[in-house]
Amino acid sequence: MTTNILYIEHRVEQYLLAFAICAFCALSVMYVYLLSMSVVHVVVTREAEQKISDTRGDIASLESTYMERQHQISMEVVENRGYAIADDKIFLDRENAQVVTKR
């Protein structure tokens, strides 16, 4: 009985068995490849997110430096044109305002 199981009489059955073994091996290799690629994809995605976060931090730092320097330059321009800083500020009081019209 065991010799009947191991011995295949027809050529078609031999080809089908060879095809099934090849298909099983190919599918196994594809499974392992896709599994490893999904792990690699997760790692690369996390690294990209970390780089994006670092880049956003660098951009925020550069924007802060830019604003500080822009403020310094604008204060220098104001001082060079002869303007002075006003300590006493005058505000208008419009509670007793009257409308004057001429015709």
N, C-alpha and C. Protein backbone atom coordinates (compact mmCIF):
# COMPACT_ATOMS: atom_id res chain seq x y z
N MET A 1 0.81 -1.18 0.00
CA MET A 1 0.00 0.00 0.00
C MET A 1 0.86 1.26 0.00
N THR A 2 1.92 1.25 0.77
CA THR A 2 2.79 2.43 0.79
C THR A 2 3.47 2.64 -0.55
N THR A 3 3.75 1.58 -1.26
CA THR A 3 4.37 1.74 -2.58
C THR A 3 3.38 2.34 -3.57
N ASN A 4 2.10 2.09 -3.41
CA ASN A 4 1.09 2.69 -4.28
C ASN A 4 0.98 4.20 -4.07
N ILE A 5 1.14 4.65 -2.85
CA ILE A 5 1.06 6.08 -2.56
C ILE A 5 2.27 6.80 -3.15
N LEU A 6 3.44 6.23 -3.04
CA LEU A 6 4.65 6.88 -3.53
C LEU A 6 4.82 6.74 -5.04
N TYR A 7 4.21 5.77 -5.63
CA TYR A 7 4.36 5.54 -7.06
C TYR A 7 3.18 6.15 -7.80
N ILE A 8 3.46 7.03 -8.77
CA ILE A 8 2.42 7.68 -9.56
C ILE A 8 2.47 7.08 -10.95
N GLU A 9 1.33 6.55 -11.38
CA GLU A 9 1.28 5.86 -12.65
C GLU A 9 1.16 6.79 -13.84
N HIS A 10 0.39 7.85 -13.75
CA HIS A 10 0.11 8.71 -14.90
C HIS A 10 1.02 9.94 -14.92
N ARG A 11 1.38 10.35 -16.12
CA ARG A 11 2.24 11.52 -16.31
C ARG A 11 1.55 12.81 -15.85
N VAL A 12 0.25 12.90 -16.05
CA VAL A 12 -0.50 14.10 -15.67
C VAL A 12 -0.43 14.31 -14.16
N GLU A 13 -0.54 13.22 -13.42
CA GLU A 13 -0.45 13.33 -11.97
C GLU A 13 0.94 13.79 -11.54
N GLN A 14 1.99 13.32 -12.23
CA GLN A 14 3.35 13.76 -11.91
C GLN A 14 3.51 15.26 -12.17
N TYR A 15 2.96 15.73 -13.28
CA TYR A 15 3.04 17.16 -13.60
C TYR A 15 2.24 17.99 -12.60
N LEU A 16 1.08 17.50 -12.23
CA LEU A 16 0.27 18.22 -11.24
C LEU A 16 0.97 18.28 -9.88
N LEU A 17 1.60 17.18 -9.47
CA LEU A 17 2.34 17.17 -8.21
C LEU A 17 3.52 18.13 -8.27
N ALA A 18 4.25 18.13 -9.36
CA ALA A 18 5.38 19.05 -9.51
C ALA A 18 4.89 20.49 -9.51
N PHE A 19 3.77 20.75 -10.20
CA PHE A 19 3.21 22.10 -10.21
C PHE A 19 2.77 22.52 -8.81
N ALA A 20 2.15 21.60 -8.07
CA ALA A 20 1.69 21.92 -6.71
C ALA A 20 2.87 22.21 -5.79
N ILE A 21 3.94 21.43 -5.91
CA ILE A 21 5.13 21.67 -5.08
C ILE A 21 5.77 23.01 -5.42
N CYS A 22 5.88 23.31 -6.72
CA CYS A 22 6.45 24.60 -7.15
C CYS A 22 5.57 25.77 -6.70
N ALA A 23 4.27 25.61 -6.83
CA ALA A 23 3.35 26.67 -6.41
C ALA A 23 3.45 26.89 -4.90
N PHE A 24 3.53 25.80 -4.14
CA PHE A 24 3.67 25.93 -2.69
C PHE A 24 4.96 26.66 -2.31
N CYS A 25 6.05 26.28 -2.97
CA CYS A 25 7.34 26.95 -2.69
C CYS A 25 7.29 28.43 -3.08
N ALA A 26 6.72 28.73 -4.24
CA ALA A 26 6.63 30.12 -4.70
C ALA A 26 5.76 30.94 -3.77
N LEU A 27 4.64 30.39 -3.37
CA LEU A 27 3.76 31.11 -2.45
C LEU A 27 4.40 31.31 -1.08
N SER A 28 5.16 30.32 -0.63
CA SER A 28 5.87 30.47 0.64
C SER A 28 6.90 31.58 0.58
N VAL A 29 7.65 31.61 -0.52
CA VAL A 29 8.66 32.67 -0.70
C VAL A 29 7.98 34.03 -0.79
N MET A 30 6.88 34.12 -1.52
CA MET A 30 6.16 35.39 -1.63
C MET A 30 5.61 35.84 -0.28
N TYR A 31 5.13 34.91 0.53
CA TYR A 31 4.62 35.24 1.85
C TYR A 31 5.73 35.82 2.73
N VAL A 32 6.87 35.16 2.75
CA VAL A 32 7.98 35.65 3.57
C VAL A 32 8.45 37.01 3.06
N TYR A 33 8.51 37.20 1.74
CA TYR A 33 8.94 38.47 1.16
C TYR A 33 7.96 39.59 1.54
N LEU A 34 6.67 39.35 1.37
CA LEU A 34 5.68 40.37 1.70
C LEU A 34 5.66 40.68 3.19
N LEU A 35 5.84 39.68 4.02
CA LEU A 35 5.90 39.90 5.46
C LEU A 35 7.09 40.77 5.83
N SER A 36 8.25 40.47 5.26
CA SER A 36 9.44 41.28 5.56
C SER A 36 9.31 42.69 5.00
N MET A 37 8.68 42.84 3.83
CA MET A 37 8.50 44.16 3.25
C MET A 37 7.52 45.00 4.08
N SER A 38 6.53 44.37 4.68
CA SER A 38 5.61 45.13 5.53
C SER A 38 6.33 45.63 6.78
N VAL A 39 7.22 44.83 7.33
CA VAL A 39 8.02 45.27 8.49
C VAL A 39 8.93 46.41 8.08
N VAL A 40 9.57 46.28 6.93
CA VAL A 40 10.45 47.35 6.44
C VAL A 40 9.65 48.63 6.20
N HIS A 41 8.45 48.49 5.66
CA HIS A 41 7.60 49.65 5.41
C HIS A 41 7.25 50.37 6.72
N VAL A 42 6.93 49.63 7.76
CA VAL A 42 6.61 50.23 9.05
C VAL A 42 7.83 50.98 9.59
N VAL A 43 9.00 50.38 9.50
CA VAL A 43 10.22 51.02 10.01
C VAL A 43 10.53 52.29 9.22
N VAL A 44 10.43 52.22 7.89
CA VAL A 44 10.72 53.39 7.06
C VAL A 44 9.70 54.49 7.32
N THR A 45 8.44 54.14 7.51
CA THR A 45 7.41 55.13 7.80
C THR A 45 7.70 55.84 9.12
N ARG A 46 8.09 55.10 10.13
CA ARG A 46 8.40 55.73 11.42
C ARG A 46 9.62 56.63 11.32
N GLU A 47 10.62 56.21 10.56
CA GLU A 47 11.79 57.06 10.36
C GLU A 47 11.42 58.34 9.61
N ALA A 48 10.56 58.21 8.60
CA ALA A 48 10.13 59.39 7.85
C ALA A 48 9.34 60.35 8.73
N GLU A 49 8.47 59.80 9.59
CA GLU A 49 7.71 60.65 10.51
C GLU A 49 8.65 61.36 11.48
N GLN A 50 9.69 60.68 11.94
CA GLN A 50 10.66 61.30 12.83
C GLN A 50 11.42 62.42 12.12
N LYS A 51 11.80 62.18 10.86
CA LYS A 51 12.49 63.21 10.08
C LYS A 51 11.59 64.41 9.84
N ILE A 52 10.31 64.15 9.57
CA ILE A 52 9.35 65.24 9.37
C ILE A 52 9.21 66.06 10.63
N SER A 53 9.14 65.40 11.77
CA SER A 53 9.03 66.09 13.04
C SER A 53 10.28 66.93 13.31
N ASP A 54 11.46 66.37 13.05
CA ASP A 54 12.70 67.11 13.23
C ASP A 54 12.77 68.31 12.30
N THR A 55 12.34 68.12 11.06
CA THR A 55 12.37 69.21 10.09
C THR A 55 11.40 70.32 10.49
N ARG A 56 10.24 69.96 10.99
CA ARG A 56 9.29 70.98 11.46
C ARG A 56 9.87 71.76 12.63
N GLY A 57 10.57 71.08 13.53
CA GLY A 57 11.24 71.76 14.63
C GLY A 57 12.31 72.72 14.13
N ASP A 58 13.09 72.28 13.14
CA ASP A 58 14.11 73.15 12.57
C ASP A 58 13.48 74.36 11.89
N ILE A 59 12.39 74.15 11.19
CA ILE A 59 11.70 75.25 10.53
C ILE A 59 11.18 76.25 11.55
N ALA A 60 10.60 75.76 12.64
CA ALA A 60 10.10 76.65 13.69
C ALA A 60 11.23 77.46 14.30
N SER A 61 12.37 76.83 14.51
CA SER A 61 13.53 77.54 15.06
C SER A 61 14.02 78.61 14.09
N LEU A 62 14.08 78.27 12.81
CA LEU A 62 14.51 79.25 11.81
C LEU A 62 13.52 80.40 11.69
N GLU A 63 12.22 80.10 11.77
CA GLU A 63 11.22 81.17 11.72
C GLU A 63 11.36 82.10 12.91
N SER A 64 11.62 81.54 14.08
CA SER A 64 11.81 82.36 15.27
C SER A 64 13.03 83.27 15.11
N THR A 65 14.13 82.72 14.62
CA THR A 65 15.33 83.52 14.38
C THR A 65 15.05 84.60 13.35
N TYR A 66 14.31 84.26 12.30
CA TYR A 66 13.96 85.22 11.26
C TYR A 66 13.15 86.38 11.84
N MET A 67 12.15 86.08 12.67
CA MET A 67 11.33 87.13 13.25
C MET A 67 12.14 88.03 14.17
N GLU A 68 13.03 87.44 14.97
CA GLU A 68 13.87 88.24 15.85
C GLU A 68 14.76 89.18 15.04
N ARG A 69 15.38 88.66 14.00
CA ARG A 69 16.26 89.50 13.17
C ARG A 69 15.46 90.55 12.41
N GLN A 70 14.28 90.20 11.96
CA GLN A 70 13.44 91.17 11.26
C GLN A 70 13.06 92.30 12.21
N HIS A 71 12.76 91.97 13.47
CA HIS A 71 12.43 93.00 14.46
C HIS A 71 13.64 93.88 14.74
N GLN A 72 14.83 93.28 14.84
CA GLN A 72 16.04 94.06 15.06
C GLN A 72 16.30 95.00 13.89
N ILE A 73 16.13 94.52 12.68
CA ILE A 73 16.36 95.35 11.50
C ILE A 73 15.35 96.49 11.46
N SER A 74 14.09 96.20 11.76
CA SER A 74 13.09 97.26 11.71
C SER A 74 13.36 98.31 12.78
N MET A 75 13.84 97.91 13.97
CA MET A 75 14.18 98.88 15.00
C MET A 75 15.38 99.72 14.57
N GLU A 76 16.35 99.12 13.88
CA GLU A 76 17.50 99.88 13.38
C GLU A 76 17.06 100.88 12.32
N VAL A 77 16.15 100.49 11.45
CA VAL A 77 15.65 101.40 10.41
C VAL A 77 14.92 102.56 11.05
N VAL A 78 14.11 102.29 12.06
CA VAL A 78 13.37 103.34 12.76
C VAL A 78 14.35 104.32 13.41
N GLU A 79 15.36 103.80 14.07
CA GLU A 79 16.34 104.67 14.73
C GLU A 79 17.14 105.47 13.72
N ASN A 80 17.51 104.86 12.59
CA ASN A 80 18.28 105.57 11.57
C ASN A 80 17.49 106.68 10.90
N ARG A 81 16.19 106.58 10.83
CA ARG A 81 15.36 107.61 10.19
C ARG A 81 14.99 108.71 11.17
N GLY A 82 15.44 108.64 12.41
CA GLY A 82 15.23 109.73 13.35
C GLY A 82 13.98 109.62 14.20
N TYR A 83 13.30 108.52 14.17
CA TYR A 83 12.12 108.36 15.01
C TYR A 83 12.56 108.03 16.43
N ALA A 84 11.75 108.43 17.38
CA ALA A 84 12.05 108.16 18.79
C ALA A 84 10.92 107.33 19.38
N ILE A 85 11.23 106.61 20.43
CA ILE A 85 10.23 105.80 21.10
C ILE A 85 9.41 106.72 22.00
N ALA A 86 8.11 106.67 21.89
CA ALA A 86 7.23 107.52 22.69
C ALA A 86 6.88 106.80 23.98
N ASP A 87 7.28 107.42 25.10
CA ASP A 87 6.97 106.83 26.39
C ASP A 87 5.56 107.20 26.85
N ASP A 88 5.21 108.47 26.65
CA ASP A 88 3.89 108.94 27.06
C ASP A 88 2.95 108.82 25.87
N LYS A 89 2.00 107.97 25.98
CA LYS A 89 1.05 107.77 24.90
C LYS A 89 -0.21 108.57 25.19
N ILE A 90 -0.75 109.18 24.17
CA ILE A 90 -1.96 109.99 24.31
C ILE A 90 -3.09 109.25 23.60
N PHE A 91 -4.17 109.08 24.34
CA PHE A 91 -5.33 108.42 23.78
C PHE A 91 -6.47 109.43 23.70
N LEU A 92 -7.27 109.36 22.68
CA LEU A 92 -8.39 110.27 22.51
C LEU A 92 -9.58 109.76 23.31
N ASP A 93 -10.29 110.73 23.90
CA ASP A 93 -11.51 110.41 24.63
C ASP A 93 -12.68 110.90 23.80
N ARG A 94 -13.51 110.01 23.32
CA ARG A 94 -14.61 110.38 22.43
C ARG A 94 -15.96 110.38 23.13
N GLU A 95 -15.97 110.39 24.42
CA GLU A 95 -17.27 110.37 25.12
C GLU A 95 -18.00 111.70 24.98
N ASN A 96 -17.29 112.81 25.00
CA ASN A 96 -17.93 114.14 24.92
C ASN A 96 -17.82 114.71 23.51
N ALA A 97 -17.72 113.89 22.53
CA ALA A 97 -17.54 114.38 21.16
C ALA A 97 -18.86 114.92 20.62
N GLN A 98 -18.75 116.01 19.85
CA GLN A 98 -19.92 116.60 19.20
C GLN A 98 -19.62 116.69 17.71
N VAL A 99 -20.65 116.57 16.95
CA VAL A 99 -20.48 116.63 15.51
C VAL A 99 -20.68 118.09 15.08
N VAL A 100 -19.72 118.60 14.32
CA VAL A 100 -19.81 119.96 13.82
C VAL A 100 -19.95 119.88 12.31
N THR A 101 -20.99 120.52 11.81
CA THR A 101 -21.19 120.52 10.37
C THR A 101 -21.37 121.94 9.88
N LYS A 102 -20.94 122.20 8.69
CA LYS A 102 -21.15 123.50 8.06
C LYS A 102 -21.95 123.29 6.79
N ARG A 103 -22.85 124.25 6.54
CA ARG A 103 -23.62 124.18 5.31
C ARG A 103 -23.46 125.42 4.54
